[in-house]
Amino acid sequence: MAYSIRAEAFINNRQFDQAISNYTKAIEINPNIAGLYTNRAICFCEIGQYDKAISDCNKALEINPSFAVAYNERGIAYRHQGQHDQAISDYTKAIEIDPKYATAYYNRGISYADKGEYDQAISDYTKVLEINPRYAVAYNNRGDCYLQKGQYEYDKSWNDINKVQELGREIPAEFLEELRKASGRQN
């Protein structure tokens, strides 16, 4: 497990190539640990090698077909490739396995929003916030979906943005400017 620990240290320093190398060595020693493959998949995603990430997640799922994290991480790789329907399918499978998996709902919300399916995205972000009311970025993203839906949702968007600020998170300036213009409000 020393290679795995070293890999985590490299991840913390955003040295993904070194992390991949150490996870590869850990996998050579322990090829039946699904988590090693998903951790390496995360690194592959960070450096834009999505096909390798998908391959690692597939291997993790061969080892453990009920590994929700592997479905979530594979969904992320598919999303980065623009394969939103496949990503949504994987996030949904992760949620079926673990109905309290806030990150899978969050990621599915991103894919729905990318497809312009704002009601579904809002529903997923709302579920994230039911599970974890301090998940500030879910408020931010839900607020953006309300903004994209138009004038009848601006108050909801402002409510979410105010919640993000209450949680001590910064709102992207361009988003705030867009909301101000669209709603005719300053706050």
Protein backbone atom coordinates (compact mmCIF):
# COMPACT_ATOMS: atom_id res chain seq x y z
CA MET A 1 0.00 0.00 0.00
CA ALA A 2 3.03 2.30 0.12
CA TYR A 3 2.60 3.05 -3.60
CA SER A 4 -1.01 3.99 -3.04
CA ILE A 5 -0.08 6.35 -0.21
CA ARG A 6 2.62 7.93 -2.34
CA ALA A 7 0.14 8.31 -5.21
CA GLU A 8 -2.26 10.19 -2.91
CA ALA A 9 0.55 12.56 -1.93
CA PHE A 10 1.27 13.21 -5.61
CA ILE A 11 -2.44 13.88 -6.22
CA ASN A 12 -2.47 16.41 -3.39
CA ASN A 13 0.38 18.20 -5.18
CA ARG A 14 -1.39 17.88 -8.55
CA GLN A 15 1.43 15.69 -9.87
CA PHE A 16 -0.84 13.33 -11.74
CA ASP A 17 1.75 11.59 -13.90
CA GLN A 18 3.65 10.54 -10.76
CA ALA A 19 0.40 9.48 -9.11
CA ILE A 20 -0.48 7.34 -12.15
CA SER A 21 2.93 5.69 -12.00
CA ASN A 22 2.51 4.83 -8.33
CA TYR A 23 -1.05 3.55 -8.78
CA THR A 24 0.22 1.39 -11.65
CA LYS A 25 2.84 -0.14 -9.33
CA ALA A 26 0.19 -0.66 -6.62
CA ILE A 27 -2.07 -2.39 -9.18
CA GLU A 28 0.80 -4.69 -10.23
CA ILE A 29 1.09 -5.79 -6.60
CA ASN A 30 -2.67 -5.85 -5.83
CA PRO A 31 -4.56 -6.23 -9.12
CA ASN A 32 -7.89 -7.05 -7.47
CA ILE A 33 -8.47 -3.78 -5.58
CA ALA A 34 -11.13 -1.82 -7.48
CA GLY A 35 -10.33 1.45 -5.71
CA LEU A 36 -6.81 1.54 -7.15
CA TYR A 37 -8.25 1.56 -10.66
CA THR A 38 -10.76 4.31 -9.91
CA ASN A 39 -8.09 6.42 -8.23
CA ARG A 40 -5.89 6.06 -11.27
CA ALA A 41 -8.91 6.88 -13.46
CA ILE A 42 -9.32 10.16 -11.58
CA CYS A 43 -5.72 11.00 -12.43
CA PHE A 44 -6.23 10.11 -16.08
CA CYS A 45 -9.23 12.45 -16.18
CA GLU A 46 -7.15 15.24 -14.68
CA ILE A 47 -4.68 15.01 -17.56
CA GLY A 48 -7.33 14.57 -20.24
CA GLN A 49 -6.80 10.85 -20.92
CA TYR A 50 -10.47 9.95 -20.77
CA ASP A 51 -10.29 6.65 -22.66
CA LYS A 52 -7.75 5.36 -20.13
CA ALA A 53 -9.99 6.57 -17.30
CA ILE A 54 -12.95 4.70 -18.78
CA SER A 55 -10.82 1.57 -19.18
CA ASP A 56 -9.74 1.73 -15.53
CA CYS A 57 -13.32 2.20 -14.37
CA ASN A 58 -14.38 -0.77 -16.48
CA LYS A 59 -11.70 -2.86 -14.78
CA ALA A 60 -12.85 -1.66 -11.35
CA LEU A 61 -16.41 -2.69 -12.25
CA GLU A 62 -15.21 -6.13 -13.35
CA ILE A 63 -13.74 -6.53 -9.87
CA ASN A 64 -16.70 -4.99 -8.06
CA PRO A 65 -19.89 -4.48 -10.12
CA SER A 66 -21.51 -2.62 -7.21
CA PHE A 67 -18.79 0.02 -6.88
CA ALA A 68 -20.72 3.28 -7.15
CA VAL A 69 -17.54 5.37 -7.30
CA ALA A 70 -16.44 3.59 -10.48
CA TYR A 71 -19.73 4.44 -12.19
CA ASN A 72 -19.43 8.05 -11.07
CA GLU A 73 -15.84 8.40 -12.27
CA ARG A 74 -16.61 6.74 -15.58
CA GLY A 75 -19.51 9.15 -15.96
CA ILE A 76 -17.12 12.06 -15.47
CA ALA A 77 -14.86 10.74 -18.24
CA TYR A 78 -17.84 10.30 -20.56
CA ARG A 79 -19.03 13.83 -19.76
CA HIS A 80 -15.63 15.25 -20.66
CA GLN A 81 -15.91 13.45 -23.98
CA GLY A 82 -19.31 15.07 -24.56
CA GLN A 83 -21.15 11.75 -24.11
CA HIS A 84 -23.76 13.14 -21.73
CA ASP A 85 -26.33 10.37 -22.14
CA GLN A 86 -23.74 7.72 -21.28
CA ALA A 87 -22.54 9.87 -18.36
CA ILE A 88 -26.11 10.26 -17.07
CA SER A 89 -26.59 6.50 -17.31
CA ASP A 90 -23.47 5.90 -15.21
CA TYR A 91 -24.40 8.52 -12.60
CA THR A 92 -27.87 6.98 -12.38
CA LYS A 93 -26.34 3.55 -11.78
CA ALA A 94 -24.12 5.02 -9.02
CA ILE A 95 -27.22 6.56 -7.41
CA GLU A 96 -29.13 3.26 -7.63
CA ILE A 97 -26.27 1.59 -5.76
CA ASP A 98 -25.89 4.43 -3.23
CA PRO A 99 -28.97 6.70 -3.02
CA LYS A 100 -27.13 9.10 -0.69
CA TYR A 101 -24.21 9.64 -3.10
CA ALA A 102 -24.42 13.43 -3.36
CA THR A 103 -21.50 13.69 -5.79
CA ALA A 104 -23.24 11.43 -8.32
CA TYR A 105 -26.39 13.60 -8.17
CA TYR A 106 -24.20 16.68 -8.56
CA ASN A 107 -22.39 15.27 -11.58
CA ARG A 108 -25.63 14.11 -13.18
CA GLY A 109 -26.96 17.64 -12.67
CA ILE A 110 -23.98 19.00 -14.59
CA SER A 111 -24.66 16.68 -17.52
CA TYR A 112 -28.36 17.56 -17.55
CA ALA A 113 -27.50 21.27 -17.48
CA ASP A 114 -24.98 20.80 -20.30
CA LYS A 115 -27.81 19.25 -22.33
CA GLY A 116 -30.11 22.20 -21.49
CA GLU A 117 -32.36 19.97 -19.38
CA TYR A 118 -32.54 22.48 -16.54
CA ASP A 119 -35.50 21.00 -14.66
CA GLN A 120 -33.71 17.67 -14.31
CA ALA A 121 -30.50 19.46 -13.30
CA ILE A 122 -32.38 21.51 -10.69
CA SER A 123 -33.93 18.32 -9.33
CA ASP A 124 -30.50 16.71 -8.96
CA TYR A 125 -28.94 19.79 -7.34
CA THR A 126 -31.90 19.94 -4.94
CA LYS A 127 -31.28 16.30 -4.00
CA VAL A 128 -27.60 17.09 -3.39
CA LEU A 129 -28.66 19.85 -0.99
CA GLU A 130 -31.09 17.55 0.81
CA ILE A 131 -28.18 15.17 1.41
CA ASN A 132 -25.63 17.89 2.19
CA PRO A 133 -26.99 21.42 2.79
CA ARG A 134 -23.44 22.83 2.84
CA TYR A 135 -22.60 21.72 -0.73
CA ALA A 136 -22.14 25.33 -1.87
CA VAL A 137 -21.34 24.62 -5.51
CA ALA A 138 -24.69 22.82 -5.87
CA TYR A 139 -26.44 26.06 -4.85
CA ASN A 140 -24.31 27.91 -7.39
CA ASN A 141 -25.11 25.48 -10.19
CA ARG A 142 -28.80 25.34 -9.33
CA GLY A 143 -28.86 29.14 -9.31
CA ASP A 144 -27.31 29.10 -12.77
CA CYS A 145 -30.01 26.70 -13.99
CA TYR A 146 -32.70 29.02 -12.64
CA LEU A 147 -31.00 31.88 -14.48
CA GLN A 148 -30.93 29.89 -17.71
CA LYS A 149 -34.65 29.10 -17.36
CA GLY A 150 -35.50 32.80 -17.47
CA GLN A 151 -37.39 35.58 -15.76
CA TYR A 152 -39.77 33.53 -13.64
CA GLU A 153 -36.86 31.86 -11.86
CA TYR A 154 -34.59 34.83 -11.07
CA ASP A 155 -35.70 35.07 -7.43
CA LYS A 156 -34.79 31.42 -6.93
CA SER A 157 -31.43 32.07 -8.55
CA TRP A 158 -30.77 34.97 -6.18
CA ASN A 159 -31.78 32.84 -3.19
CA ASP A 160 -29.23 30.20 -4.17
CA ILE A 161 -26.51 32.76 -4.80
CA ASN A 162 -27.14 34.33 -1.40
CA LYS A 163 -26.83 30.86 0.18
CA VAL A 164 -23.49 30.31 -1.56
CA GLN A 165 -22.25 33.59 -0.10
CA GLU A 166 -23.56 32.63 3.37
CA LEU A 167 -21.47 29.48 3.10
CA GLY A 168 -18.41 31.64 2.49
CA ARG A 169 -17.92 30.73 -1.16
CA GLU A 170 -17.14 33.19 -3.92
CA ILE A 171 -19.51 33.66 -6.84
CA PRO A 172 -17.90 33.98 -10.29
CA ALA A 173 -18.07 37.65 -11.28
CA GLU A 174 -19.31 36.91 -14.80
CA PHE A 175 -22.19 34.85 -13.42
CA LEU A 176 -23.19 37.62 -11.00
CA GLU A 177 -23.07 40.19 -13.80
CA GLU A 178 -25.23 38.00 -16.04
CA LEU A 179 -27.77 37.50 -13.24
CA ARG A 180 -27.85 41.22 -12.44
CA LYS A 181 -28.46 42.13 -16.08
CA ALA A 182 -31.09 39.47 -16.62
CA SER A 183 -33.01 40.13 -13.40
CA GLY A 184 -32.57 43.90 -13.22
CA ARG A 185 -31.48 43.51 -9.59
CA GLN A 186 -28.24 44.10 -7.77
CA ASN A 187 -28.93 41.50 -5.08
